[in-house]
Amino acid sequence: MNKTNNSLTDFGVSVKKALLDRGMLQKEFCYSVEIPENRFTEMLYGIRPGRRYRRIITQALGLMEETRLGNPYTFPV
């Protein structure tokens, strides 16, 4: 049985807000940073961790990322 999750993670909410601020569609963003749309959506909803793409997304949007210890670090844009 597949687990369905209909709510965004904290990371997903931050990404969606950043995209709204830029007036950019999710599809446009995925194309611009060369991330598969399905993988991007799975990351936002916590279905998959997306370790390969998380850093690319945070850099492209200028977001802060939290480490496992909870200490935030920033990526320069």
PDB file of N, CA and C in Angstrom:
ATOM      1  N   MET A   1       0.839  -1.175   0.000  1.00  0.00           N
ATOM      2  CA  MET A   1       0.000   0.000   0.000  1.00  0.00           C
ATOM      3  C   MET A   1       0.889   1.246   0.000  1.00  0.00           C
ATOM      4  N   ASN A   2       0.626   2.156  -0.898  1.00  0.00           N
ATOM      5  CA  ASN A   2       1.407   3.390  -0.981  1.00  0.00           C
ATOM      6  C   ASN A   2       0.932   4.402   0.038  1.00  0.00           C
ATOM      7  N   LYS A   3       1.882   5.074   0.642  1.00  0.00           N
ATOM      8  CA  LYS A   3       1.556   6.132   1.588  1.00  0.00           C
ATOM      9  C   LYS A   3       1.364   7.428   0.812  1.00  0.00           C
ATOM     10  N   THR A   4       0.237   8.083   1.014  1.00  0.00           N
ATOM     11  CA  THR A   4       0.014   9.377   0.375  1.00  0.00           C
ATOM     12  C   THR A   4       0.081  10.453   1.434  1.00  0.00           C
ATOM     13  N   ASN A   5       0.743  11.534   1.084  1.00  0.00           N
ATOM     14  CA  ASN A   5       0.913  12.640   2.011  1.00  0.00           C
ATOM     15  C   ASN A   5       0.435  13.894   1.294  1.00  0.00           C
ATOM     16  N   ASN A   6      -0.612  14.485   1.807  1.00  0.00           N
ATOM     17  CA  ASN A   6      -1.210  15.631   1.135  1.00  0.00           C
ATOM     18  C   ASN A   6      -0.772  16.972   1.695  1.00  0.00           C
ATOM     19  N   SER A   7       0.222  16.978   2.574  1.00  0.00           N
ATOM     20  CA  SER A   7       0.657  18.256   3.130  1.00  0.00           C
ATOM     21  C   SER A   7       2.138  18.483   2.836  1.00  0.00           C
ATOM     22  N   LEU A   8       2.454  19.732   2.582  1.00  0.00           N
ATOM     23  CA  LEU A   8       3.835  20.118   2.306  1.00  0.00           C
ATOM     24  C   LEU A   8       4.681  20.027   3.572  1.00  0.00           C
ATOM     25  N   THR A   9       5.937  19.699   3.398  1.00  0.00           N
ATOM     26  CA  THR A   9       6.883  19.747   4.513  1.00  0.00           C
ATOM     27  C   THR A   9       7.261  21.213   4.746  1.00  0.00           C
ATOM     28  N   ASP A  10       8.001  21.481   5.803  1.00  0.00           N
ATOM     29  CA  ASP A  10       8.475  22.845   6.046  1.00  0.00           C
ATOM     30  C   ASP A  10       9.336  23.320   4.876  1.00  0.00           C
ATOM     31  N   PHE A  11      10.157  22.418   4.373  1.00  0.00           N
ATOM     32  CA  PHE A  11      10.982  22.737   3.208  1.00  0.00           C
ATOM     33  C   PHE A  11      10.094  23.057   2.014  1.00  0.00           C
ATOM     34  N   GLY A  12       9.048  22.275   1.817  1.00  0.00           N
ATOM     35  CA  GLY A  12       8.125  22.496   0.708  1.00  0.00           C
ATOM     36  C   GLY A  12       7.430  23.843   0.784  1.00  0.00           C
ATOM     37  N   VAL A  13       7.027  24.241   1.983  1.00  0.00           N
ATOM     38  CA  VAL A  13       6.376  25.537   2.170  1.00  0.00           C
ATOM     39  C   VAL A  13       7.347  26.670   1.839  1.00  0.00           C
ATOM     40  N   SER A  14       8.589  26.553   2.296  1.00  0.00           N
ATOM     41  CA  SER A  14       9.601  27.574   2.011  1.00  0.00           C
ATOM     42  C   SER A  14       9.856  27.703   0.516  1.00  0.00           C
ATOM     43  N   VAL A  15       9.941  26.569  -0.162  1.00  0.00           N
ATOM     44  CA  VAL A  15      10.187  26.586  -1.604  1.00  0.00           C
ATOM     45  C   VAL A  15       9.005  27.211  -2.342  1.00  0.00           C
ATOM     46  N   LYS A  16       7.796  26.807  -1.983  1.00  0.00           N
ATOM     47  CA  LYS A  16       6.606  27.350  -2.644  1.00  0.00           C
ATOM     48  C   LYS A  16       6.505  28.865  -2.450  1.00  0.00           C
ATOM     49  N   LYS A  17       6.804  29.346  -1.236  1.00  0.00           N
ATOM     50  CA  LYS A  17       6.777  30.789  -0.973  1.00  0.00           C
ATOM     51  C   LYS A  17       7.809  31.518  -1.827  1.00  0.00           C
ATOM     52  N   ALA A  18       9.004  30.935  -1.924  1.00  0.00           N
ATOM     53  CA  ALA A  18      10.057  31.555  -2.724  1.00  0.00           C
ATOM     54  C   ALA A  18       9.662  31.611  -4.198  1.00  0.00           C
ATOM     55  N   LEU A  19       9.025  30.571  -4.690  1.00  0.00           N
ATOM     56  CA  LEU A  19       8.573  30.562  -6.079  1.00  0.00           C
ATOM     57  C   LEU A  19       7.478  31.607  -6.304  1.00  0.00           C
ATOM     58  N   LEU A  20       6.564  31.739  -5.348  1.00  0.00           N
ATOM     59  CA  LEU A  20       5.515  32.763  -5.449  1.00  0.00           C
ATOM     60  C   LEU A  20       6.102  34.165  -5.456  1.00  0.00           C
ATOM     61  N   ASP A  21       7.090  34.396  -4.599  1.00  0.00           N
ATOM     62  CA  ASP A  21       7.745  35.707  -4.549  1.00  0.00           C
ATOM     63  C   ASP A  21       8.391  36.061  -5.879  1.00  0.00           C
ATOM     64  N   ARG A  22       8.867  35.048  -6.583  1.00  0.00           N
ATOM     65  CA  ARG A  22       9.524  35.277  -7.872  1.00  0.00           C
ATOM     66  C   ARG A  22       8.542  35.229  -9.045  1.00  0.00           C
ATOM     67  N   GLY A  23       7.292  34.881  -8.764  1.00  0.00           N
ATOM     68  CA  GLY A  23       6.295  34.769  -9.820  1.00  0.00           C
ATOM     69  C   GLY A  23       6.632  33.642 -10.788  1.00  0.00           C
ATOM     70  N   MET A  24       7.194  32.574 -10.264  1.00  0.00           N
ATOM     71  CA  MET A  24       7.662  31.476 -11.105  1.00  0.00           C
ATOM     72  C   MET A  24       6.836  30.221 -10.840  1.00  0.00           C
ATOM     73  N   LEU A  25       6.477  29.534 -11.906  1.00  0.00           N
ATOM     74  CA  LEU A  25       5.770  28.275 -11.774  1.00  0.00           C
ATOM     75  C   LEU A  25       6.745  27.168 -11.414  1.00  0.00           C
ATOM     76  N   GLN A  26       6.237  26.159 -10.750  1.00  0.00           N
ATOM     77  CA  GLN A  26       7.056  25.016 -10.371  1.00  0.00           C
ATOM     78  C   GLN A  26       7.679  24.380 -11.612  1.00  0.00           C
ATOM     79  N   LYS A  27       6.908  24.273 -12.673  1.00  0.00           N
ATOM     80  CA  LYS A  27       7.390  23.670 -13.921  1.00  0.00           C
ATOM     81  C   LYS A  27       8.546  24.481 -14.512  1.00  0.00           C
ATOM     82  N   GLU A  28       8.425  25.802 -14.479  1.00  0.00           N
ATOM     83  CA  GLU A  28       9.487  26.676 -14.991  1.00  0.00           C
ATOM     84  C   GLU A  28      10.761  26.520 -14.171  1.00  0.00           C
ATOM     85  N   PHE A  29      10.597  26.465 -12.857  1.00  0.00           N
ATOM     86  CA  PHE A  29      11.758  26.326 -11.978  1.00  0.00           C
ATOM     87  C   PHE A  29      12.469  25.002 -12.234  1.00  0.00           C
ATOM     88  N   CYS A  30      11.709  23.926 -12.302  1.00  0.00           N
ATOM     89  CA  CYS A  30      12.313  22.608 -12.536  1.00  0.00           C
ATOM     90  C   CYS A  30      13.084  22.594 -13.848  1.00  0.00           C
ATOM     91  N   TYR A  31      12.528  23.206 -14.866  1.00  0.00           N
ATOM     92  CA  TYR A  31      13.208  23.271 -16.157  1.00  0.00           C
ATOM     93  C   TYR A  31      14.502  24.074 -16.048  1.00  0.00           C
ATOM     94  N   SER A  32      14.455  25.189 -15.319  1.00  0.00           N
ATOM     95  CA  SER A  32      15.619  26.072 -15.234  1.00  0.00           C
ATOM     96  C   SER A  32      16.787  25.452 -14.469  1.00  0.00           C
ATOM     97  N   VAL A  33      16.498  24.600 -13.492  1.00  0.00           N
ATOM     98  CA  VAL A  33      17.569  23.977 -12.709  1.00  0.00           C
ATOM     99  C   VAL A  33      17.753  22.494 -13.043  1.00  0.00           C
ATOM    100  N   GLU A  34      17.040  22.045 -14.065  1.00  0.00           N
ATOM    101  CA  GLU A  34      17.171  20.674 -14.573  1.00  0.00           C
ATOM    102  C   GLU A  34      16.892  19.608 -13.519  1.00  0.00           C
ATOM    103  N   ILE A  35      15.747  19.760 -12.849  1.00  0.00           N
ATOM    104  CA  ILE A  35      15.287  18.775 -11.877  1.00  0.00           C
ATOM    105  C   ILE A  35      13.988  18.178 -12.412  1.00  0.00           C
ATOM    106  N   PRO A  36      13.851  16.860 -12.394  1.00  0.00           N
ATOM    107  CA  PRO A  36      12.591  16.259 -12.841  1.00  0.00           C
ATOM    108  C   PRO A  36      11.418  16.743 -11.974  1.00  0.00           C
ATOM    109  N   GLU A  37      10.321  17.104 -12.620  1.00  0.00           N
ATOM    110  CA  GLU A  37       9.170  17.646 -11.883  1.00  0.00           C
ATOM    111  C   GLU A  37       8.629  16.674 -10.844  1.00  0.00           C
ATOM    112  N   ASN A  38       8.584  15.390 -11.192  1.00  0.00           N
ATOM    113  CA  ASN A  38       8.048  14.424 -10.228  1.00  0.00           C
ATOM    114  C   ASN A  38       8.943  14.316  -8.993  1.00  0.00           C
ATOM    115  N   ARG A  39      10.251  14.370  -9.167  1.00  0.00           N
ATOM    116  CA  ARG A  39      11.176  14.296  -8.030  1.00  0.00           C
ATOM    117  C   ARG A  39      11.026  15.542  -7.156  1.00  0.00           C
ATOM    118  N   PHE A  40      10.881  16.694  -7.793  1.00  0.00           N
ATOM    119  CA  PHE A  40      10.707  17.961  -7.082  1.00  0.00           C
ATOM    120  C   PHE A  40       9.462  17.894  -6.193  1.00  0.00           C
ATOM    121  N   THR A  41       8.363  17.432  -6.756  1.00  0.00           N
ATOM    122  CA  THR A  41       7.113  17.327  -5.996  1.00  0.00           C
ATOM    123  C   THR A  41       7.259  16.337  -4.849  1.00  0.00           C
ATOM    124  N   GLU A  42       7.906  15.218  -5.090  1.00  0.00           N
ATOM    125  CA  GLU A  42       8.107  14.231  -4.035  1.00  0.00           C
ATOM    126  C   GLU A  42       8.927  14.810  -2.877  1.00  0.00           C
ATOM    127  N   MET A  43       9.865  15.671  -3.189  1.00  0.00           N
ATOM    128  CA  MET A  43      10.660  16.320  -2.137  1.00  0.00           C
ATOM    129  C   MET A  43       9.809  17.278  -1.318  1.00  0.00           C
ATOM    130  N   LEU A  44       8.992  18.069  -1.991  1.00  0.00           N
ATOM    131  CA  LEU A  44       8.182  19.072  -1.299  1.00  0.00           C
ATOM    132  C   LEU A  44       7.181  18.444  -0.334  1.00  0.00           C
ATOM    133  N   TYR A  45       6.693  17.265  -0.690  1.00  0.00           N
ATOM    134  CA  TYR A  45       5.695  16.584   0.137  1.00  0.00           C
ATOM    135  C   TYR A  45       6.299  15.531   1.060  1.00  0.00           C
ATOM    136  N   GLY A  46       7.619  15.386   1.056  1.00  0.00           N
ATOM    137  CA  GLY A  46       8.283  14.467   1.974  1.00  0.00           C
ATOM    138  C   GLY A  46       8.182  13.004   1.580  1.00  0.00           C
ATOM    139  N   ILE A  47       7.831  12.732   0.340  1.00  0.00           N
ATOM    140  CA  ILE A  47       7.740  11.348  -0.115  1.00  0.00           C
ATOM    141  C   ILE A  47       9.141  10.776  -0.315  1.00  0.00           C
ATOM    142  N   ARG A  48      10.042  11.602  -0.831  1.00  0.00           N
ATOM    143  CA  ARG A  48      11.448  11.229  -1.014  1.00  0.00           C
ATOM    144  C   ARG A  48      12.314  12.359  -0.473  1.00  0.00           C
ATOM    145  N   PRO A  49      13.491  12.012   0.066  1.00  0.00           N
ATOM    146  CA  PRO A  49      14.338  13.058   0.636  1.00  0.00           C
ATOM    147  C   PRO A  49      14.978  13.967  -0.408  1.00  0.00           C
ATOM    148  N   GLY A  50      15.285  13.458  -1.585  1.00  0.00           N
ATOM    149  CA  GLY A  50      15.855  14.282  -2.651  1.00  0.00           C
ATOM    150  C   GLY A  50      17.206  14.889  -2.318  1.00  0.00           C
ATOM    151  N   ARG A  51      18.052  14.122  -1.693  1.00  0.00           N
ATOM    152  CA  ARG A  51      19.363  14.643  -1.278  1.00  0.00           C
ATOM    153  C   ARG A  51      20.161  15.221  -2.446  1.00  0.00           C
ATOM    154  N   ARG A  52      20.015  14.613  -3.603  1.00  0.00           N
ATOM    155  CA  ARG A  52      20.775  15.050  -4.774  1.00  0.00           C
ATOM    156  C   ARG A  52      20.392  16.467  -5.204  1.00  0.00           C
ATOM    157  N   TYR A  53      19.126  16.832  -5.050  1.00  0.00           N
ATOM    158  CA  TYR A  53      18.630  18.100  -5.569  1.00  0.00           C
ATOM    159  C   TYR A  53      18.412  19.197  -4.527  1.00  0.00           C
ATOM    160  N   ARG A  54      18.379  18.838  -3.260  1.00  0.00           N
ATOM    161  CA  ARG A  54      18.047  19.811  -2.212  1.00  0.00           C
ATOM    162  C   ARG A  54      18.994  21.014  -2.212  1.00  0.00           C
ATOM    163  N   ARG A  55      20.272  20.753  -2.352  1.00  0.00           N
ATOM    164  CA  ARG A  55      21.249  21.852  -2.347  1.00  0.00           C
ATOM    165  C   ARG A  55      21.060  22.747  -3.579  1.00  0.00           C
ATOM    166  N   ILE A  56      20.780  22.159  -4.717  1.00  0.00           N
ATOM    167  CA  ILE A  56      20.536  22.928  -5.940  1.00  0.00           C
ATOM    168  C   ILE A  56      19.351  23.861  -5.745  1.00  0.00           C
ATOM    169  N   ILE A  57      18.290  23.350  -5.140  1.00  0.00           N
ATOM    170  CA  ILE A  57      17.075  24.146  -4.922  1.00  0.00           C
ATOM    171  C   ILE A  57      17.348  25.284  -3.953  1.00  0.00           C
ATOM    172  N   THR A  58      17.993  24.988  -2.830  1.00  0.00           N
ATOM    173  CA  THR A  58      18.245  26.036  -1.841  1.00  0.00           C
ATOM    174  C   THR A  58      19.170  27.118  -2.395  1.00  0.00           C
ATOM    175  N   GLN A  59      20.147  26.730  -3.179  1.00  0.00           N
ATOM    176  CA  GLN A  59      21.039  27.727  -3.792  1.00  0.00           C
ATOM    177  C   GLN A  59      20.289  28.585  -4.801  1.00  0.00           C
ATOM    178  N   ALA A  60      19.508  27.956  -5.650  1.00  0.00           N
ATOM    179  CA  ALA A  60      18.802  28.686  -6.706  1.00  0.00           C
ATOM    180  C   ALA A  60      17.787  29.679  -6.139  1.00  0.00           C
ATOM    181  N   LEU A  61      17.180  29.335  -5.004  1.00  0.00           N
ATOM    182  CA  LEU A  61      16.151  30.198  -4.414  1.00  0.00           C
ATOM    183  C   LEU A  61      16.671  31.049  -3.259  1.00  0.00           C
ATOM    184  N   GLY A  62      17.931  30.862  -2.881  1.00  0.00           N
ATOM    185  CA  GLY A  62      18.512  31.644  -1.796  1.00  0.00           C
ATOM    186  C   GLY A  62      17.903  31.329  -0.451  1.00  0.00           C
ATOM    187  N   LEU A  63      17.554  30.069  -0.229  1.00  0.00           N
ATOM    188  CA  LEU A  63      16.935  29.651   1.030  1.00  0.00           C
ATOM    189  C   LEU A  63      17.980  29.194   2.030  1.00  0.00           C
ATOM    190  N   MET A  64      17.577  29.130   3.274  1.00  0.00           N
ATOM    191  CA  MET A  64      18.425  28.562   4.315  1.00  0.00           C
ATOM    192  C   MET A  64      18.058  27.093   4.448  1.00  0.00           C
ATOM    193  N   GLU A  65      19.043  26.284   4.692  1.00  0.00           N
ATOM    194  CA  GLU A  65      18.833  24.851   4.879  1.00  0.00           C
ATOM    195  C   GLU A  65      19.271  24.495   6.286  1.00  0.00           C
ATOM    196  N   GLU A  66      18.517  23.632   6.943  1.00  0.00           N
ATOM    197  CA  GLU A  66      18.889  23.227   8.288  1.00  0.00           C
ATOM    198  C   GLU A  66      19.614  21.892   8.246  1.00  0.00           C
ATOM    199  N   THR A  67      20.640  21.795   9.065  1.00  0.00           N
ATOM    200  CA  THR A  67      21.351  20.528   9.178  1.00  0.00           C
ATOM    201  C   THR A  67      20.538  19.618  10.084  1.00  0.00           C
ATOM    202  N   ARG A  68      20.978  18.403  10.232  1.00  0.00           N
ATOM    203  CA  ARG A  68      20.280  17.468  11.116  1.00  0.00           C
ATOM    204  C   ARG A  68      20.339  17.908  12.571  1.00  0.00           C
ATOM    205  N   LEU A  69      21.325  18.717  12.912  1.00  0.00           N
ATOM    206  CA  LEU A  69      21.444  19.213  14.281  1.00  0.00           C
ATOM    207  C   LEU A  69      20.571  20.436  14.507  1.00  0.00           C
ATOM    208  N   GLY A  70      19.942  20.936  13.450  1.00  0.00           N
ATOM    209  CA  GLY A  70      19.073  22.080  13.593  1.00  0.00           C
ATOM    210  C   GLY A  70      19.783  23.408  13.433  1.00  0.00           C
ATOM    211  N   ASN A  71      21.087  23.393  13.122  1.00  0.00           N
ATOM    212  CA  ASN A  71      21.827  24.631  12.935  1.00  0.00           C
ATOM    213  C   ASN A  71      21.709  25.069  11.474  1.00  0.00           C
ATOM    214  N   PRO A  72      21.121  26.224  11.231  1.00  0.00           N
ATOM    215  CA  PRO A  72      20.957  26.650   9.852  1.00  0.00           C
ATOM    216  C   PRO A  72      22.270  27.122   9.243  1.00  0.00           C
ATOM    217  N   TYR A  73      22.429  26.901   7.996  1.00  0.00           N
ATOM    218  CA  TYR A  73      23.535  27.465   7.243  1.00  0.00           C
ATOM    219  C   TYR A  73      22.974  27.968   5.926  1.00  0.00           C
ATOM    220  N   THR A  74      23.613  28.951   5.356  1.00  0.00           N
ATOM    221  CA  THR A  74      23.080  29.551   4.140  1.00  0.00           C
ATOM    222  C   THR A  74      23.972  29.221   2.955  1.00  0.00           C
ATOM    223  N   PHE A  75      23.368  29.245   1.808  1.00  0.00           N
ATOM    224  CA  PHE A  75      24.094  29.075   0.570  1.00  0.00           C
ATOM    225  C   PHE A  75      24.062  30.402  -0.149  1.00  0.00           C
ATOM    226  N   PRO A  76      25.214  30.922  -0.549  1.00  0.00           N
ATOM    227  CA  PRO A  76      25.206  32.171  -1.310  1.00  0.00           C
ATOM    228  C   PRO A  76      24.576  31.958  -2.682  1.00  0.00           C
ATOM    229  N   VAL A  77      23.891  32.959  -3.143  1.00  0.00           N
ATOM    230  CA  VAL A  77      23.237  32.866  -4.453  1.00  0.00           C
ATOM    231  C   VAL A  77      24.046  33.587  -5.489  1.00  0.00           C
TER     232      VAL A  77
END
